[in-house]
PDB file of N, CA and C in Angstrom:
ATOM      1  N   ASP A   1      67.435 150.018 148.715  1.00  0.00           N
ATOM      2  CA  ASP A   1      67.847 150.735 147.517  1.00  0.00           C
ATOM      3  C   ASP A   1      67.589 149.883 146.284  1.00  0.00           C
ATOM      4  N   HIS A   2      67.286 150.563 145.198  1.00  0.00           N
ATOM      5  CA  HIS A   2      67.025 149.883 143.929  1.00  0.00           C
ATOM      6  C   HIS A   2      68.149 150.180 142.953  1.00  0.00           C
ATOM      7  N   LEU A   3      68.282 149.338 141.954  1.00  0.00           N
ATOM      8  CA  LEU A   3      69.367 149.433 140.990  1.00  0.00           C
ATOM      9  C   LEU A   3      68.837 149.853 139.628  1.00  0.00           C
ATOM     10  N   ILE A   4      69.523 150.798 138.992  1.00  0.00           N
ATOM     11  CA  ILE A   4      69.261 151.161 137.601  1.00  0.00           C
ATOM     12  C   ILE A   4      70.530 150.844 136.843  1.00  0.00           C
ATOM     13  N   ALA A   5      70.418 150.048 135.786  1.00  0.00           N
ATOM     14  CA  ALA A   5      71.599 149.645 135.021  1.00  0.00           C
ATOM     15  C   ALA A   5      71.347 149.873 133.535  1.00  0.00           C
ATOM     16  N   VAL A   6      72.425 150.115 132.810  1.00  0.00           N
ATOM     17  CA  VAL A   6      72.325 150.318 131.367  1.00  0.00           C
ATOM     18  C   VAL A   6      73.605 149.811 130.713  1.00  0.00           C
ATOM     19  N   ARG A   7      73.476 149.238 129.540  1.00  0.00           N
ATOM     20  CA  ARG A   7      74.643 148.778 128.788  1.00  0.00           C
ATOM     21  C   ARG A   7      75.022 149.859 127.787  1.00  0.00           C
ATOM     22  N   VAL A   8      76.310 150.183 127.749  1.00  0.00           N
ATOM     23  CA  VAL A   8      76.826 151.209 126.841  1.00  0.00           C
ATOM     24  C   VAL A   8      78.104 150.701 126.186  1.00  0.00           C
ATOM     25  N   PRO A   9      78.492 151.298 125.058  1.00  0.00           N
ATOM     26  CA  PRO A   9      79.756 150.915 124.427  1.00  0.00           C
ATOM     27  C   PRO A   9      80.940 151.267 125.336  1.00  0.00           C
ATOM     28  N   ALA A  10      82.055 150.610 125.114  1.00  0.00           N
ATOM     29  CA  ALA A  10      83.256 150.834 125.922  1.00  0.00           C
ATOM     30  C   ALA A  10      83.692 152.305 125.882  1.00  0.00           C
ATOM     31  N   GLU A  11      83.544 152.951 124.737  1.00  0.00           N
ATOM     32  CA  GLU A  11      83.947 154.357 124.615  1.00  0.00           C
ATOM     33  C   GLU A  11      83.091 155.255 125.509  1.00  0.00           C
ATOM     34  N   THR A  12      81.804 154.964 125.566  1.00  0.00           N
ATOM     35  CA  THR A  12      80.901 155.746 126.420  1.00  0.00           C
ATOM     36  C   THR A  12      81.262 155.547 127.885  1.00  0.00           C
ATOM     37  N   LYS A  13      81.536 154.317 128.266  1.00  0.00           N
ATOM     38  CA  LYS A  13      81.927 154.009 129.641  1.00  0.00           C
ATOM     39  C   LYS A  13      83.206 154.747 130.007  1.00  0.00           C
ATOM     40  N   ALA A  14      84.187 154.756 129.110  1.00  0.00           N
ATOM     41  CA  ALA A  14      85.453 155.448 129.376  1.00  0.00           C
ATOM     42  C   ALA A  14      85.235 156.949 129.493  1.00  0.00           C
ATOM     43  N   ALA A  15      84.404 157.512 128.626  1.00  0.00           N
ATOM     44  CA  ALA A  15      84.120 158.949 128.673  1.00  0.00           C
ATOM     45  C   ALA A  15      83.394 159.312 129.971  1.00  0.00           C
ATOM     46  N   PHE A  16      82.474 158.437 130.394  1.00  0.00           N
ATOM     47  CA  PHE A  16      81.733 158.681 131.637  1.00  0.00           C
ATOM     48  C   PHE A  16      82.669 158.620 132.841  1.00  0.00           C
ATOM     49  N   ARG A  17      83.561 157.643 132.845  1.00  0.00           N
ATOM     50  CA  ARG A  17      84.540 157.516 133.926  1.00  0.00           C
ATOM     51  C   ARG A  17      85.414 158.772 133.990  1.00  0.00           C
ATOM     52  N   ALA A  18      85.850 159.260 132.822  1.00  0.00           N
ATOM     53  CA  ALA A  18      86.689 160.460 132.775  1.00  0.00           C
ATOM     54  C   ALA A  18      85.921 161.679 133.278  1.00  0.00           C
ATOM     55  N   ALA A  19      84.646 161.785 132.904  1.00  0.00           N
ATOM     56  CA  ALA A  19      83.826 162.908 133.378  1.00  0.00           C
ATOM     57  C   ALA A  19      83.683 162.874 134.895  1.00  0.00           C
ATOM     58  N   ALA A  20      83.479 161.696 135.442  1.00  0.00           N
ATOM     59  CA  ALA A  20      83.355 161.557 136.898  1.00  0.00           C
ATOM     60  C   ALA A  20      84.663 161.948 137.584  1.00  0.00           C
ATOM     61  N   GLU A  21      85.777 161.504 137.038  1.00  0.00           N
ATOM     62  CA  GLU A  21      87.081 161.820 137.626  1.00  0.00           C
ATOM     63  C   GLU A  21      87.359 163.322 137.589  1.00  0.00           C
ATOM     64  N   ARG A  22      86.974 163.983 136.471  1.00  0.00           N
ATOM     65  CA  ARG A  22      87.183 165.435 136.371  1.00  0.00           C
ATOM     66  C   ARG A  22      86.425 166.176 137.463  1.00  0.00           C
ATOM     67  N   GLN A  23      85.311 165.627 137.870  1.00  0.00           N
ATOM     68  CA  GLN A  23      84.500 166.274 138.907  1.00  0.00           C
ATOM     69  C   GLN A  23      84.806 165.743 140.301  1.00  0.00           C
ATOM     70  N   GLY A  24      85.752 164.828 140.381  1.00  0.00           N
ATOM     71  CA  GLY A  24      86.120 164.267 141.675  1.00  0.00           C
ATOM     72  C   GLY A  24      85.043 163.376 142.262  1.00  0.00           C
ATOM     73  N   LEU A  25      84.313 162.693 141.398  1.00  0.00           N
ATOM     74  CA  LEU A  25      83.212 161.837 141.836  1.00  0.00           C
ATOM     75  C   LEU A  25      83.432 160.406 141.378  1.00  0.00           C
ATOM     76  N   SER A  26      82.750 159.503 142.041  1.00  0.00           N
ATOM     77  CA  SER A  26      82.707 158.134 141.541  1.00  0.00           C
ATOM     78  C   SER A  26      81.698 158.103 140.392  1.00  0.00           C
ATOM     79  N   GLU A  27      81.737 157.062 139.597  1.00  0.00           N
ATOM     80  CA  GLU A  27      80.770 156.938 138.503  1.00  0.00           C
ATOM     81  C   GLU A  27      79.344 156.872 139.058  1.00  0.00           C
ATOM     82  N   ALA A  28      79.167 156.163 140.151  1.00  0.00           N
ATOM     83  CA  ALA A  28      77.834 156.049 140.758  1.00  0.00           C
ATOM     84  C   ALA A  28      77.328 157.408 141.231  1.00  0.00           C
ATOM     85  N   ALA A  29      78.213 158.193 141.855  1.00  0.00           N
ATOM     86  CA  ALA A  29      77.802 159.514 142.344  1.00  0.00           C
ATOM     87  C   ALA A  29      77.424 160.432 141.187  1.00  0.00           C
ATOM     88  N   LEU A  30      78.193 160.384 140.112  1.00  0.00           N
ATOM     89  CA  LEU A  30      77.872 161.207 138.938  1.00  0.00           C
ATOM     90  C   LEU A  30      76.543 160.781 138.337  1.00  0.00           C
ATOM     91  N   LEU A  31      76.311 159.490 138.234  1.00  0.00           N
ATOM     92  CA  LEU A  31      75.050 159.003 137.689  1.00  0.00           C
ATOM     93  C   LEU A  31      73.876 159.439 138.560  1.00  0.00           C
ATOM     94  N   LYS A  32      74.030 159.385 139.872  1.00  0.00           N
ATOM     95  CA  LYS A  32      72.964 159.841 140.774  1.00  0.00           C
ATOM     96  C   LYS A  32      72.675 161.316 140.556  1.00  0.00           C
ATOM     97  N   ARG A  33      73.728 162.131 140.400  1.00  0.00           N
ATOM     98  CA  ARG A  33      73.537 163.570 140.146  1.00  0.00           C
ATOM     99  C   ARG A  33      72.802 163.797 138.836  1.00  0.00           C
ATOM    100  N   LEU A  34      73.198 163.066 137.804  1.00  0.00           N
ATOM    101  CA  LEU A  34      72.546 163.222 136.505  1.00  0.00           C
ATOM    102  C   LEU A  34      71.069 162.845 136.580  1.00  0.00           C
ATOM    103  N   LEU A  35      70.771 161.786 137.307  1.00  0.00           N
ATOM    104  CA  LEU A  35      69.371 161.395 137.494  1.00  0.00           C
ATOM    105  C   LEU A  35      68.598 162.473 138.240  1.00  0.00           C
ATOM    106  N   ASP A  36      69.205 163.029 139.283  1.00  0.00           N
ATOM    107  CA  ASP A  36      68.544 164.106 140.028  1.00  0.00           C
ATOM    108  C   ASP A  36      68.258 165.303 139.132  1.00  0.00           C
ATOM    109  N   VAL A  37      69.228 165.689 138.315  1.00  0.00           N
ATOM    110  CA  VAL A  37      69.051 166.831 137.407  1.00  0.00           C
ATOM    111  C   VAL A  37      67.953 166.531 136.393  1.00  0.00           C
ATOM    112  N   ALA A  38      67.972 165.344 135.815  1.00  0.00           N
ATOM    113  CA  ALA A  38      66.960 164.980 134.819  1.00  0.00           C
ATOM    114  C   ALA A  38      65.562 164.977 135.429  1.00  0.00           C
ATOM    115  N   LEU A  39      65.436 164.417 136.616  1.00  0.00           N
ATOM    116  CA  LEU A  39      64.126 164.363 137.261  1.00  0.00           C
ATOM    117  C   LEU A  39      63.661 165.745 137.689  1.00  0.00           C
ATOM    118  N   LEU A  40      64.577 166.561 138.186  1.00  0.00           N
ATOM    119  CA  LEU A  40      64.232 167.923 138.567  1.00  0.00           C
ATOM    120  C   LEU A  40      63.804 168.718 137.348  1.00  0.00           C
ATOM    121  N   ALA A  41      64.529 168.567 136.243  1.00  0.00           N
ATOM    122  CA  ALA A  41      64.196 169.291 135.015  1.00  0.00           C
ATOM    123  C   ALA A  41      62.812 168.886 134.509  1.00  0.00           C
ATOM    124  N   SER A  42      62.488 167.598 134.560  1.00  0.00           N
ATOM    125  CA  SER A  42      61.177 167.157 134.073  1.00  0.00           C
ATOM    126  C   SER A  42      60.065 167.651 134.990  1.00  0.00           C
ATOM    127  N   THR A  43      60.324 167.714 136.286  1.00  0.00           N
ATOM    128  CA  THR A  43      59.340 168.238 137.233  1.00  0.00           C
ATOM    129  C   THR A  43      59.118 169.718 137.001  1.00  0.00           C
ATOM    130  N   GLU A  44      60.210 170.461 136.773  1.00  0.00           N
ATOM    131  CA  GLU A  44      60.082 171.899 136.542  1.00  0.00           C
ATOM    132  C   GLU A  44      59.327 172.175 135.252  1.00  0.00           C
ATOM    133  N   ARG A  45      59.543 171.369 134.210  1.00  0.00           N
ATOM    134  CA  ARG A  45      58.816 171.568 132.959  1.00  0.00           C
ATOM    135  C   ARG A  45      57.321 171.387 133.193  1.00  0.00           C
ATOM    136  N   THR A  46      56.963 170.391 133.983  1.00  0.00           N
ATOM    137  CA  THR A  46      55.558 170.166 134.290  1.00  0.00           C
ATOM    138  C   THR A  46      54.995 171.346 135.065  1.00  0.00           C
ATOM    139  N   ASP A  47      55.759 171.834 136.044  1.00  0.00           N
ATOM    140  CA  ASP A  47      55.318 172.988 136.824  1.00  0.00           C
ATOM    141  C   ASP A  47      55.189 174.221 135.946  1.00  0.00           C
ATOM    142  N   LEU A  48      56.129 174.413 135.019  1.00  0.00           N
ATOM    143  CA  LEU A  48      56.081 175.569 134.137  1.00  0.00           C
ATOM    144  C   LEU A  48      54.874 175.501 133.214  1.00  0.00           C
ATOM    145  N   ALA A  49      54.508 174.311 132.797  1.00  0.00           N
ATOM    146  CA  ALA A  49      53.358 174.165 131.908  1.00  0.00           C
ATOM    147  C   ALA A  49      52.067 174.576 132.605  1.00  0.00           C
ATOM    148  N   ARG A  50      52.061 174.478 133.922  1.00  0.00           N
ATOM    149  CA  ARG A  50      50.872 174.851 134.696  1.00  0.00           C
ATOM    150  C   ARG A  50      50.752 176.357 134.903  1.00  0.00           C
ATOM    151  N   CYS A  51      51.813 177.094 134.637  1.00  0.00           N
ATOM    152  CA  CYS A  51      51.772 178.550 134.815  1.00  0.00           C
ATOM    153  C   CYS A  51      50.680 179.136 133.938  1.00  0.00           C
ATOM    154  N   GLN A  52      49.959 180.092 134.462  1.00  0.00           N
ATOM    155  CA  GLN A  52      48.846 180.661 133.738  1.00  0.00           C
ATOM    156  C   GLN A  52      49.287 181.699 132.711  1.00  0.00           C
ATOM    157  N   ALA A  53      50.252 182.526 133.053  1.00  0.00           N
ATOM    158  CA  ALA A  53      50.677 183.585 132.138  1.00  0.00           C
ATOM    159  C   ALA A  53      52.165 183.456 131.861  1.00  0.00           C
ATOM    160  N   PRO A  54      52.545 183.655 130.601  1.00  0.00           N
ATOM    161  CA  PRO A  54      53.974 183.602 130.300  1.00  0.00           C
ATOM    162  C   PRO A  54      54.709 184.782 130.940  1.00  0.00           C
ATOM    163  N   VAL A  55      55.955 184.564 131.260  1.00  0.00           N
ATOM    164  CA  VAL A  55      56.760 185.621 131.860  1.00  0.00           C
ATOM    165  C   VAL A  55      57.248 186.541 130.751  1.00  0.00           C
ATOM    166  N   ALA A  56      57.058 187.830 130.954  1.00  0.00           N
ATOM    167  CA  ALA A  56      57.503 188.806 129.963  1.00  0.00           C
ATOM    168  C   ALA A  56      59.024 188.849 129.927  1.00  0.00           C
ATOM    169  N   ARG A  57      59.583 189.166 128.755  1.00  0.00           N
ATOM    170  CA  ARG A  57      61.035 189.207 128.601  1.00  0.00           C
ATOM    171  C   ARG A  57      61.683 190.174 129.585  1.00  0.00           C
ATOM    172  N   ASP A  58      60.999 191.258 129.906  1.00  0.00           N
ATOM    173  CA  ASP A  58      61.607 192.236 130.814  1.00  0.00           C
ATOM    174  C   ASP A  58      61.599 191.768 132.267  1.00  0.00           C
ATOM    175  N   ARG A  59      61.026 190.612 132.545  1.00  0.00           N
ATOM    176  CA  ARG A  59      61.010 190.073 133.897  1.00  0.00           C
ATOM    177  C   ARG A  59      62.083 189.012 134.090  1.00  0.00           C
ATOM    178  N   ARG A  60      62.958 188.852 133.108  1.00  0.00           N
ATOM    179  CA  ARG A  60      64.050 187.896 133.234  1.00  0.00           C
ATOM    180  C   ARG A  60      65.073 188.410 134.226  1.00  0.00           C
ATOM    181  N   LEU A  61      65.819 187.489 134.768  1.00  0.00           N
ATOM    182  CA  LEU A  61      66.872 187.819 135.710  1.00  0.00           C
ATOM    183  C   LEU A  61      68.213 187.740 135.001  1.00  0.00           C
ATOM    184  N   TYR A  62      69.011 188.774 135.121  1.00  0.00           N
ATOM    185  CA  TYR A  62      70.339 188.788 134.522  1.00  0.00           C
ATOM    186  C   TYR A  62      71.380 188.809 135.637  1.00  0.00           C
ATOM    187  N   VAL A  63      72.403 187.996 135.470  1.00  0.00           N
ATOM    188  CA  VAL A  63      73.457 187.885 136.472  1.00  0.00           C
ATOM    189  C   VAL A  63      74.792 188.064 135.773  1.00  0.00           C
ATOM    190  N   ARG A  64      75.664 188.872 136.341  1.00  0.00           N
ATOM    191  CA  ARG A  64      77.012 189.034 135.801  1.00  0.00           C
ATOM    192  C   ARG A  64      77.939 188.080 136.531  1.00  0.00           C
ATOM    193  N   LEU A  65      78.737 187.384 135.757  1.00  0.00           N
ATOM    194  CA  LEU A  65      79.690 186.442 136.323  1.00  0.00           C
ATOM    195  C   LEU A  65      81.105 186.852 135.948  1.00  0.00           C
ATOM    196  N   ARG A  66      82.019 186.641 136.863  1.00  0.00           N
ATOM    197  CA  ARG A  66      83.429 186.824 136.538  1.00  0.00           C
ATOM    198  C   ARG A  66      83.821 185.750 135.545  1.00  0.00           C
ATOM    199  N   LEU A  67      84.869 186.005 134.791  1.00  0.00           N
ATOM    200  CA  LEU A  67      85.308 185.072 133.762  1.00  0.00           C
ATOM    201  C   LEU A  67      85.573 183.684 134.344  1.00  0.00           C
ATOM    202  N   ALA A  68      86.238 183.624 135.491  1.00  0.00           N
ATOM    203  CA  ALA A  68      86.542 182.331 136.110  1.00  0.00           C
ATOM    204  C   ALA A  68      85.257 181.592 136.507  1.00  0.00           C
ATOM    205  N   ASP A  69      84.267 182.322 137.011  1.00  0.00           N
ATOM    206  CA  ASP A  69      82.999 181.703 137.389  1.00  0.00           C
ATOM    207  C   ASP A  69      82.242 181.230 136.154  1.00  0.00           C
ATOM    208  N   ARG A  70      82.329 182.007 135.084  1.00  0.00           N
ATOM    209  CA  ARG A  70      81.672 181.623 133.833  1.00  0.00           C
ATOM    210  C   ARG A  70      82.282 180.325 133.284  1.00  0.00           C
ATOM    211  N   ARG A  71      83.597 180.232 133.352  1.00  0.00           N
ATOM    212  CA  ARG A  71      84.266 179.007 132.891  1.00  0.00           C
ATOM    213  C   ARG A  71      83.844 177.807 133.738  1.00  0.00           C
ATOM    214  N   LEU A  72      83.808 177.998 135.051  1.00  0.00           N
ATOM    215  CA  LEU A  72      83.409 176.916 135.951  1.00  0.00           C
ATOM    216  C   LEU A  72      81.971 176.485 135.671  1.00  0.00           C
ATOM    217  N   LEU A  73      81.104 177.453 135.475  1.00  0.00           N
ATOM    218  CA  LEU A  73      79.710 177.154 135.146  1.00  0.00           C
ATOM    219  C   LEU A  73      79.624 176.345 133.856  1.00  0.00           C
ATOM    220  N   SER A  74      80.349 176.774 132.844  1.00  0.00           N
ATOM    221  CA  SER A  74      80.337 176.066 131.563  1.00  0.00           C
ATOM    222  C   SER A  74      80.855 174.646 131.704  1.00  0.00           C
ATOM    223  N   GLU A  75      81.929 174.456 132.469  1.00  0.00           N
ATOM    224  CA  GLU A  75      82.487 173.117 132.672  1.00  0.00           C
ATOM    225  C   GLU A  75      81.502 172.206 133.381  1.00  0.00           C
ATOM    226  N   ARG A  76      80.884 172.743 134.429  1.00  0.00           N
ATOM    227  CA  ARG A  76      79.938 171.911 135.183  1.00  0.00           C
ATOM    228  C   ARG A  76      78.705 171.587 134.364  1.00  0.00           C
ATOM    229  N   ALA A  77      78.228 172.550 133.596  1.00  0.00           N
ATOM    230  CA  ALA A  77      77.066 172.305 132.734  1.00  0.00           C
ATOM    231  C   ALA A  77      77.408 171.264 131.679  1.00  0.00           C
ATOM    232  N   GLU A  78      78.579 171.391 131.079  1.00  0.00           N
ATOM    233  CA  GLU A  78      79.006 170.429 130.061  1.00  0.00           C
ATOM    234  C   GLU A  78      79.124 169.034 130.664  1.00  0.00           C
ATOM    235  N   GLY A  79      79.629 168.949 131.892  1.00  0.00           N
ATOM    236  CA  GLY A  79      79.752 167.664 132.561  1.00  0.00           C
ATOM    237  C   GLY A  79      78.413 167.001 132.818  1.00  0.00           C
ATOM    238  N   ARG A  80      77.365 167.799 132.809  1.00  0.00           N
ATOM    239  CA  ARG A  80      76.012 167.264 133.018  1.00  0.00           C
ATOM    240  C   ARG A  80      75.218 167.226 131.711  1.00  0.00           C
ATOM    241  N   ASP A  81      75.905 167.530 130.613  1.00  0.00           N
ATOM    242  CA  ASP A  81      75.294 167.537 129.287  1.00  0.00           C
ATOM    243  C   ASP A  81      74.112 168.496 129.226  1.00  0.00           C
ATOM    244  N   LEU A  82      74.309 169.678 129.819  1.00  0.00           N
ATOM    245  CA  LEU A  82      73.283 170.719 129.821  1.00  0.00           C
ATOM    246  C   LEU A  82      73.864 172.016 129.281  1.00  0.00           C
ATOM    247  N   ARG A  83      72.996 172.892 128.805  1.00  0.00           N
ATOM    248  CA  ARG A  83      73.437 174.236 128.450  1.00  0.00           C
ATOM    249  C   ARG A  83      73.631 175.003 129.756  1.00  0.00           C
ATOM    250  N   PRO A  84      74.577 175.937 129.792  1.00  0.00           N
ATOM    251  CA  PRO A  84      74.840 176.672 131.039  1.00  0.00           C
ATOM    252  C   PRO A  84      73.595 177.332 131.632  1.00  0.00           C
ATOM    253  N   ALA A  85      72.768 177.942 130.798  1.00  0.00           N
ATOM    254  CA  ALA A  85      71.570 178.610 131.314  1.00  0.00           C
ATOM    255  C   ALA A  85      70.607 177.614 131.955  1.00  0.00           C
ATOM    256  N   THR A  86      70.489 176.448 131.362  1.00  0.00           N
ATOM    257  CA  THR A  86      69.620 175.412 131.929  1.00  0.00           C
ATOM    258  C   THR A  86      70.165 174.935 133.269  1.00  0.00           C
ATOM    259  N   TYR A  87      71.469 174.742 133.326  1.00  0.00           N
ATOM    260  CA  TYR A  87      72.094 174.308 134.575  1.00  0.00           C
ATOM    261  C   TYR A  87      71.887 175.332 135.688  1.00  0.00           C
ATOM    262  N   VAL A  88      72.030 176.613 135.366  1.00  0.00           N
ATOM    263  CA  VAL A  88      71.831 177.663 136.368  1.00  0.00           C
ATOM    264  C   VAL A  88      70.399 177.634 136.899  1.00  0.00           C
ATOM    265  N   THR A  89      69.417 177.447 136.020  1.00  0.00           N
ATOM    266  CA  THR A  89      68.041 177.428 136.486  1.00  0.00           C
ATOM    267  C   THR A  89      67.780 176.277 137.437  1.00  0.00           C
ATOM    268  N   LEU A  90      68.515 175.182 137.275  1.00  0.00           N
ATOM    269  CA  LEU A  90      68.357 174.054 138.196  1.00  0.00           C
ATOM    270  C   LEU A  90      69.007 174.330 139.542  1.00  0.00           C
ATOM    271  N   LEU A  91      69.995 175.203 139.555  1.00  0.00           N
ATOM    272  CA  LEU A  91      70.686 175.540 140.801  1.00  0.00           C
ATOM    273  C   LEU A  91      69.897 176.539 141.645  1.00  0.00           C
ATOM    274  N   ILE A  92      69.173 177.400 140.977  1.00  0.00           N
ATOM    275  CA  ILE A  92      68.474 178.494 141.689  1.00  0.00           C
ATOM    276  C   ILE A  92      67.194 177.997 142.322  1.00  0.00           C
TER     277      ILE A  92
END
């Protein structure tokens, strides 16, 4: 295994620790998830750039969520510093 390290201000470290605790994760586990999301997002952008034709607006997928599910989605997206719609696309 290899190590990735970064120096941050004490406030950032405390906020990151709190975010990990809210999700029931260790700081290392949260960081691994964030790296996975970032790498997946960058890979998907590259794949999307290769698409030959843009997707028409009428070909979008719409999903109805219950209020509780919408709140959970928003919380999880916020915990990953993503917009909810972006987070959903990474899940699908």
